Amino acid sequence: MRSTTFGMRLAGVAAFGLALSACSMGGLSGAPSAQTQQLQTAAVSPAEIAAQSPALPAIATECPPIKVRPGAEAIYYYGKGQVGNPKDLQYQAVIDKQSRNCVVSNGLITVKMGVVGRFMLGPSGNQSSVDLPLRFAVERDEAPLFSEKYQIPVTLAGGGQATEFVKVVENVAIPYVAGDDITIWVGFDSNG
């Protein structure tokens, strides 16, 4: 009786294992069903994947670079003195670092961008505060998308000769189309 019970259990386990293996093969016959064959031969394009997955749009995967516009990395103010003469320099300012951060969602790149710079009095300078003209711009394929000039207030504390300044611009939304060449520019802009 013991061997009969053991044999029945063994047969039950074997039948259960056979049923499980048949499930993974697409049917009891071992031949794949028509639905399984269709799924195995289906080719899916990246566009179809993007269309089925709106939470992961096929748009920018990297934040556009931020660059200092050539020739706009520093500003020199001579007042009524002779431009270019170091003795007549009242103050100068330079951009030391620039950075940006992006969030990509719903076909837009939302950019937060900023700079850190230094302000220094020159030999003829006696200012305790100035406003520095700084421009942020975004271009797509060299066409302007965003351009804004900011007056950055800088104050020298207690007779100091130099100080740092920081300017951050947030929530600049840029529409994105695949293949666009987008660049973020920053620099001093003393023109109107």
C-alpha atoms as a PDB file:
ATOM      1  CA  MET A   1       0.000   0.000   0.000  1.00  0.00           C
ATOM      2  CA  ARG A   2       2.845   2.288   0.789  1.00  0.00           C
ATOM      3  CA  SER A   3       4.449   1.736  -2.600  1.00  0.00           C
ATOM      4  CA  THR A   4       1.096   2.317  -4.329  1.00  0.00           C
ATOM      5  CA  THR A   5       0.614   5.670  -2.540  1.00  0.00           C
ATOM      6  CA  PHE A   6       4.174   6.653  -3.337  1.00  0.00           C
ATOM      7  CA  GLY A   7       3.705   5.654  -6.994  1.00  0.00           C
ATOM      8  CA  MET A   8       0.497   7.698  -7.246  1.00  0.00           C
ATOM      9  CA  ARG A   9       2.231  10.740  -5.777  1.00  0.00           C
ATOM     10  CA  LEU A  10       5.133  10.332  -8.166  1.00  0.00           C
ATOM     11  CA  ALA A  11       2.750  10.033 -11.119  1.00  0.00           C
ATOM     12  CA  GLY A  12       0.864  13.141  -9.934  1.00  0.00           C
ATOM     13  CA  VAL A  13       4.060  15.168  -9.680  1.00  0.00           C
ATOM     14  CA  ALA A  14       5.150  14.004 -13.142  1.00  0.00           C
ATOM     15  CA  ALA A  15       1.765  14.905 -14.656  1.00  0.00           C
ATOM     16  CA  PHE A  16       1.876  18.336 -13.010  1.00  0.00           C
ATOM     17  CA  GLY A  17       5.418  18.932 -14.345  1.00  0.00           C
ATOM     18  CA  LEU A  18       4.350  17.863 -17.843  1.00  0.00           C
ATOM     19  CA  ALA A  19       1.381  20.266 -17.736  1.00  0.00           C
ATOM     20  CA  LEU A  20       3.650  23.145 -16.678  1.00  0.00           C
ATOM     21  CA  SER A  21       6.156  22.452 -19.437  1.00  0.00           C
ATOM     22  CA  ALA A  22       3.326  22.329 -21.984  1.00  0.00           C
ATOM     23  CA  CYS A  23       2.219  25.809 -20.891  1.00  0.00           C
ATOM     24  CA  SER A  24       5.610  27.291 -21.640  1.00  0.00           C
ATOM     25  CA  MET A  25       5.666  25.707 -25.086  1.00  0.00           C
ATOM     26  CA  GLY A  26       2.480  27.364 -26.321  1.00  0.00           C
ATOM     27  CA  GLY A  27       0.195  24.345 -26.144  1.00  0.00           C
ATOM     28  CA  LEU A  28       0.036  20.678 -25.236  1.00  0.00           C
ATOM     29  CA  SER A  29       0.997  19.605 -28.736  1.00  0.00           C
ATOM     30  CA  GLY A  30       4.375  21.368 -28.484  1.00  0.00           C
ATOM     31  CA  ALA A  31       3.647  23.387 -31.654  1.00  0.00           C
ATOM     32  CA  PRO A  32       3.420  27.172 -31.210  1.00  0.00           C
ATOM     33  CA  SER A  33      -0.028  28.711 -31.561  1.00  0.00           C
ATOM     34  CA  ALA A  34      -0.800  31.220 -34.348  1.00  0.00           C
ATOM     35  CA  GLN A  35      -0.759  34.049 -31.778  1.00  0.00           C
ATOM     36  CA  THR A  36       2.661  32.998 -30.457  1.00  0.00           C
ATOM     37  CA  GLN A  37       4.068  32.782 -34.013  1.00  0.00           C
ATOM     38  CA  GLN A  38       2.743  36.285 -34.772  1.00  0.00           C
ATOM     39  CA  LEU A  39       4.407  37.734 -31.646  1.00  0.00           C
ATOM     40  CA  GLN A  40       7.694  35.983 -32.418  1.00  0.00           C
ATOM     41  CA  THR A  41       7.874  37.455 -35.928  1.00  0.00           C
ATOM     42  CA  ALA A  42       6.602  40.956 -35.056  1.00  0.00           C
ATOM     43  CA  ALA A  43       9.073  43.774 -35.672  1.00  0.00           C
ATOM     44  CA  VAL A  44       8.542  46.955 -33.663  1.00  0.00           C
ATOM     45  CA  SER A  45      10.056  50.267 -34.735  1.00  0.00           C
ATOM     46  CA  PRO A  46      11.318  52.884 -32.223  1.00  0.00           C
ATOM     47  CA  ALA A  47       8.492  55.210 -33.362  1.00  0.00           C
ATOM     48  CA  GLU A  48       5.890  52.555 -32.493  1.00  0.00           C
ATOM     49  CA  ILE A  49       7.462  52.085 -29.070  1.00  0.00           C
ATOM     50  CA  ALA A  50       7.360  55.855 -28.480  1.00  0.00           C
ATOM     51  CA  ALA A  51       3.707  55.990 -29.606  1.00  0.00           C
ATOM     52  CA  GLN A  52       2.783  53.242 -27.128  1.00  0.00           C
ATOM     53  CA  SER A  53       4.749  54.843 -24.301  1.00  0.00           C
ATOM     54  CA  PRO A  54       3.771  58.517 -23.912  1.00  0.00           C
ATOM     55  CA  ALA A  55       5.552  58.697 -20.534  1.00  0.00           C
ATOM     56  CA  LEU A  56       8.866  58.231 -22.346  1.00  0.00           C
ATOM     57  CA  PRO A  57       8.715  60.525 -25.405  1.00  0.00           C
ATOM     58  CA  ALA A  58      11.369  60.085 -28.071  1.00  0.00           C
ATOM     59  CA  ILE A  59      12.915  63.539 -27.554  1.00  0.00           C
ATOM     60  CA  ALA A  60      16.111  65.011 -26.163  1.00  0.00           C
ATOM     61  CA  THR A  61      18.084  62.747 -23.898  1.00  0.00           C
ATOM     62  CA  GLU A  62      20.769  65.296 -23.109  1.00  0.00           C
ATOM     63  CA  CYS A  63      20.692  68.885 -21.905  1.00  0.00           C
ATOM     64  CA  PRO A  64      21.868  71.368 -24.566  1.00  0.00           C
ATOM     65  CA  PRO A  65      25.369  72.725 -23.930  1.00  0.00           C
ATOM     66  CA  ILE A  66      25.822  76.140 -22.308  1.00  0.00           C
ATOM     67  CA  LYS A  67      28.624  78.272 -23.711  1.00  0.00           C
ATOM     68  CA  VAL A  68      30.009  81.739 -23.104  1.00  0.00           C
ATOM     69  CA  ARG A  69      29.563  83.811 -26.254  1.00  0.00           C
ATOM     70  CA  PRO A  70      33.011  84.563 -27.732  1.00  0.00           C
ATOM     71  CA  GLY A  71      34.063  88.108 -26.857  1.00  0.00           C
ATOM     72  CA  ALA A  72      31.417  88.414 -24.110  1.00  0.00           C
ATOM     73  CA  GLU A  73      33.250  86.574 -21.310  1.00  0.00           C
ATOM     74  CA  ALA A  74      34.381  89.843 -19.668  1.00  0.00           C
ATOM     75  CA  ILE A  75      33.340  93.469 -19.441  1.00  0.00           C
ATOM     76  CA  TYR A  76      35.674  96.421 -18.846  1.00  0.00           C
ATOM     77  CA  TYR A  77      34.479  99.892 -17.848  1.00  0.00           C
ATOM     78  CA  TYR A  78      36.745 102.892 -18.292  1.00  0.00           C
ATOM     79  CA  GLY A  79      34.248 105.686 -17.578  1.00  0.00           C
ATOM     80  CA  LYS A  80      35.488 108.799 -19.367  1.00  0.00           C
ATOM     81  CA  GLY A  81      39.023 107.506 -19.327  1.00  0.00           C
ATOM     82  CA  GLN A  82      40.990 106.206 -22.278  1.00  0.00           C
ATOM     83  CA  VAL A  83      39.587 102.809 -23.324  1.00  0.00           C
ATOM     84  CA  GLY A  84      42.286 100.162 -23.135  1.00  0.00           C
ATOM     85  CA  ASN A  85      44.557 102.167 -20.811  1.00  0.00           C
ATOM     86  CA  PRO A  86      44.949 100.031 -17.645  1.00  0.00           C
ATOM     87  CA  LYS A  87      45.348 103.170 -15.465  1.00  0.00           C
ATOM     88  CA  ASP A  88      41.891 104.406 -16.517  1.00  0.00           C
ATOM     89  CA  LEU A  89      40.099 101.089 -15.817  1.00  0.00           C
ATOM     90  CA  GLN A  90      37.321 101.675 -13.273  1.00  0.00           C
ATOM     91  CA  TYR A  91      36.094  98.072 -13.016  1.00  0.00           C
ATOM     92  CA  GLN A  92      35.942  94.754 -14.765  1.00  0.00           C
ATOM     93  CA  ALA A  93      33.844  91.628 -14.449  1.00  0.00           C
ATOM     94  CA  VAL A  94      34.437  88.110 -15.773  1.00  0.00           C
ATOM     95  CA  ILE A  95      32.343  84.961 -16.039  1.00  0.00           C
ATOM     96  CA  ASP A  96      34.097  82.131 -14.198  1.00  0.00           C
ATOM     97  CA  LYS A  97      31.626  79.250 -14.512  1.00  0.00           C
ATOM     98  CA  GLN A  98      28.394  78.502 -16.293  1.00  0.00           C
ATOM     99  CA  SER A  99      26.005  75.615 -15.787  1.00  0.00           C
ATOM    100  CA  ARG A 100      22.555  74.362 -16.749  1.00  0.00           C
ATOM    101  CA  ASN A 101      20.062  71.716 -15.716  1.00  0.00           C
ATOM    102  CA  CYS A 102      17.227  70.359 -17.877  1.00  0.00           C
ATOM    103  CA  VAL A 103      13.956  68.514 -17.410  1.00  0.00           C
ATOM    104  CA  VAL A 104      12.515  66.856 -20.511  1.00  0.00           C
ATOM    105  CA  SER A 105       8.748  66.329 -20.640  1.00  0.00           C
ATOM    106  CA  ASN A 106       5.863  66.547 -23.117  1.00  0.00           C
ATOM    107  CA  GLY A 107       7.977  67.732 -26.042  1.00  0.00           C
ATOM    108  CA  LEU A 108       9.662  70.515 -24.050  1.00  0.00           C
ATOM    109  CA  ILE A 109      13.102  70.957 -22.537  1.00  0.00           C
ATOM    110  CA  THR A 110      12.748  73.143 -19.433  1.00  0.00           C
ATOM    111  CA  VAL A 111      16.103  74.725 -18.633  1.00  0.00           C
ATOM    112  CA  LYS A 112      17.542  76.233 -15.463  1.00  0.00           C
ATOM    113  CA  MET A 113      20.779  78.071 -16.282  1.00  0.00           C
ATOM    114  CA  GLY A 114      23.232  80.175 -14.362  1.00  0.00           C
ATOM    115  CA  VAL A 115      26.639  81.761 -14.072  1.00  0.00           C
ATOM    116  CA  VAL A 116      29.147  82.600 -11.369  1.00  0.00           C
ATOM    117  CA  GLY A 117      31.543  85.455 -11.945  1.00  0.00           C
ATOM    118  CA  ARG A 118      33.900  87.948 -10.348  1.00  0.00           C
ATOM    119  CA  PHE A 119      33.721  91.739 -10.156  1.00  0.00           C
ATOM    120  CA  MET A 120      36.895  93.772  -9.457  1.00  0.00           C
ATOM    121  CA  LEU A 121      37.647  97.469  -9.150  1.00  0.00           C
ATOM    122  CA  GLY A 122      40.360  98.866 -11.385  1.00  0.00           C
ATOM    123  CA  PRO A 123      42.999 101.520 -10.548  1.00  0.00           C
ATOM    124  CA  SER A 124      40.544 104.393 -11.234  1.00  0.00           C
ATOM    125  CA  GLY A 125      37.515 102.683  -9.716  1.00  0.00           C
ATOM    126  CA  ASN A 126      35.677 103.950  -6.658  1.00  0.00           C
ATOM    127  CA  GLN A 127      32.248 102.374  -7.178  1.00  0.00           C
ATOM    128  CA  SER A 128      30.586 100.629  -4.264  1.00  0.00           C
ATOM    129  CA  SER A 129      27.813  99.126  -6.443  1.00  0.00           C
ATOM    130  CA  VAL A 130      27.139  98.597 -10.154  1.00  0.00           C
ATOM    131  CA  ASP A 131      24.650  96.782 -12.386  1.00  0.00           C
ATOM    132  CA  LEU A 132      26.268  94.324 -14.787  1.00  0.00           C
ATOM    133  CA  PRO A 133      24.467  93.681 -18.114  1.00  0.00           C
ATOM    134  CA  LEU A 134      24.263  89.907 -18.631  1.00  0.00           C
ATOM    135  CA  ARG A 135      22.384  88.169 -21.445  1.00  0.00           C
ATOM    136  CA  PHE A 136      21.134  84.581 -21.611  1.00  0.00           C
ATOM    137  CA  ALA A 137      20.044  83.281 -25.019  1.00  0.00           C
ATOM    138  CA  VAL A 138      18.948  79.965 -26.506  1.00  0.00           C
ATOM    139  CA  GLU A 139      19.384  79.184 -30.202  1.00  0.00           C
ATOM    140  CA  ARG A 140      18.080  76.330 -32.342  1.00  0.00           C
ATOM    141  CA  ASP A 141      20.113  75.785 -35.510  1.00  0.00           C
ATOM    142  CA  GLU A 142      21.480  79.341 -34.961  1.00  0.00           C
ATOM    143  CA  ALA A 143      17.967  80.863 -34.877  1.00  0.00           C
ATOM    144  CA  PRO A 144      16.998  82.617 -31.596  1.00  0.00           C
ATOM    145  CA  LEU A 145      14.395  80.948 -29.364  1.00  0.00           C
ATOM    146  CA  PHE A 146      14.974  82.948 -26.187  1.00  0.00           C
ATOM    147  CA  SER A 147      17.001  86.044 -25.371  1.00  0.00           C
ATOM    148  CA  GLU A 148      16.813  88.082 -22.197  1.00  0.00           C
ATOM    149  CA  LYS A 149      19.129  90.731 -20.778  1.00  0.00           C
ATOM    150  CA  TYR A 150      19.418  91.045 -16.986  1.00  0.00           C
ATOM    151  CA  GLN A 151      20.944  93.795 -14.874  1.00  0.00           C
ATOM    152  CA  ILE A 152      22.919  92.004 -12.142  1.00  0.00           C
ATOM    153  CA  PRO A 153      23.353  94.195  -9.034  1.00  0.00           C
ATOM    154  CA  VAL A 154      26.816  93.886  -7.518  1.00  0.00           C
ATOM    155  CA  THR A 155      27.778  95.551  -4.224  1.00  0.00           C
ATOM    156  CA  LEU A 156      31.218  95.841  -2.680  1.00  0.00           C
ATOM    157  CA  ALA A 157      30.997  95.550   1.094  1.00  0.00           C
ATOM    158  CA  GLY A 158      33.086  97.664   3.446  1.00  0.00           C
ATOM    159  CA  GLY A 159      35.559  99.178   0.993  1.00  0.00           C
ATOM    160  CA  GLY A 160      36.281  95.836  -0.688  1.00  0.00           C
ATOM    161  CA  GLN A 161      37.987  95.682  -4.052  1.00  0.00           C
ATOM    162  CA  ALA A 162      36.372  92.493  -5.407  1.00  0.00           C
ATOM    163  CA  THR A 163      33.348  90.258  -4.990  1.00  0.00           C
ATOM    164  CA  GLU A 164      31.558  87.368  -6.664  1.00  0.00           C
ATOM    165  CA  PHE A 165      28.178  87.484  -8.370  1.00  0.00           C
ATOM    166  CA  VAL A 166      25.663  84.772  -9.281  1.00  0.00           C
ATOM    167  CA  LYS A 167      22.725  84.854 -11.679  1.00  0.00           C
ATOM    168  CA  VAL A 168      20.267  81.984 -12.212  1.00  0.00           C
ATOM    169  CA  VAL A 169      17.429  81.948 -14.755  1.00  0.00           C
ATOM    170  CA  GLU A 170      14.753  79.275 -14.321  1.00  0.00           C
ATOM    171  CA  ASN A 171      11.886  77.707 -16.276  1.00  0.00           C
ATOM    172  CA  VAL A 172      12.924  78.543 -19.829  1.00  0.00           C
ATOM    173  CA  ALA A 173      10.818  76.147 -21.942  1.00  0.00           C
ATOM    174  CA  ILE A 174      12.241  75.105 -25.310  1.00  0.00           C
ATOM    175  CA  PRO A 175      10.121  73.109 -27.791  1.00  0.00           C
ATOM    176  CA  TYR A 176      12.170  70.193 -29.090  1.00  0.00           C
ATOM    177  CA  VAL A 177      12.148  68.407 -32.433  1.00  0.00           C
ATOM    178  CA  ALA A 178      14.458  65.435 -33.001  1.00  0.00           C
ATOM    179  CA  GLY A 179      17.695  66.419 -34.705  1.00  0.00           C
ATOM    180  CA  ASP A 180      17.693  70.040 -33.499  1.00  0.00           C
ATOM    181  CA  ASP A 181      21.034  71.637 -32.678  1.00  0.00           C
ATOM    182  CA  ILE A 182      20.278  73.693 -29.554  1.00  0.00           C
ATOM    183  CA  THR A 183      22.857  75.883 -27.759  1.00  0.00           C
ATOM    184  CA  ILE A 184      22.501  78.009 -24.625  1.00  0.00           C
ATOM    185  CA  TRP A 185      24.608  81.180 -24.682  1.00  0.00           C
ATOM    186  CA  VAL A 186      25.557  83.562 -21.904  1.00  0.00           C
ATOM    187  CA  GLY A 187      27.693  86.679 -21.913  1.00  0.00           C
ATOM    188  CA  PHE A 188      27.967  90.329 -20.988  1.00  0.00           C
ATOM    189  CA  ASP A 189      25.956  92.662 -23.226  1.00  0.00           C
ATOM    190  CA  SER A 190      26.736  96.375 -22.880  1.00  0.00           C
ATOM    191  CA  ASN A 191      24.752  97.219 -26.041  1.00  0.00           C
ATOM    192  CA  GLY A 192      21.269  98.753 -25.565  1.00  0.00           C
END
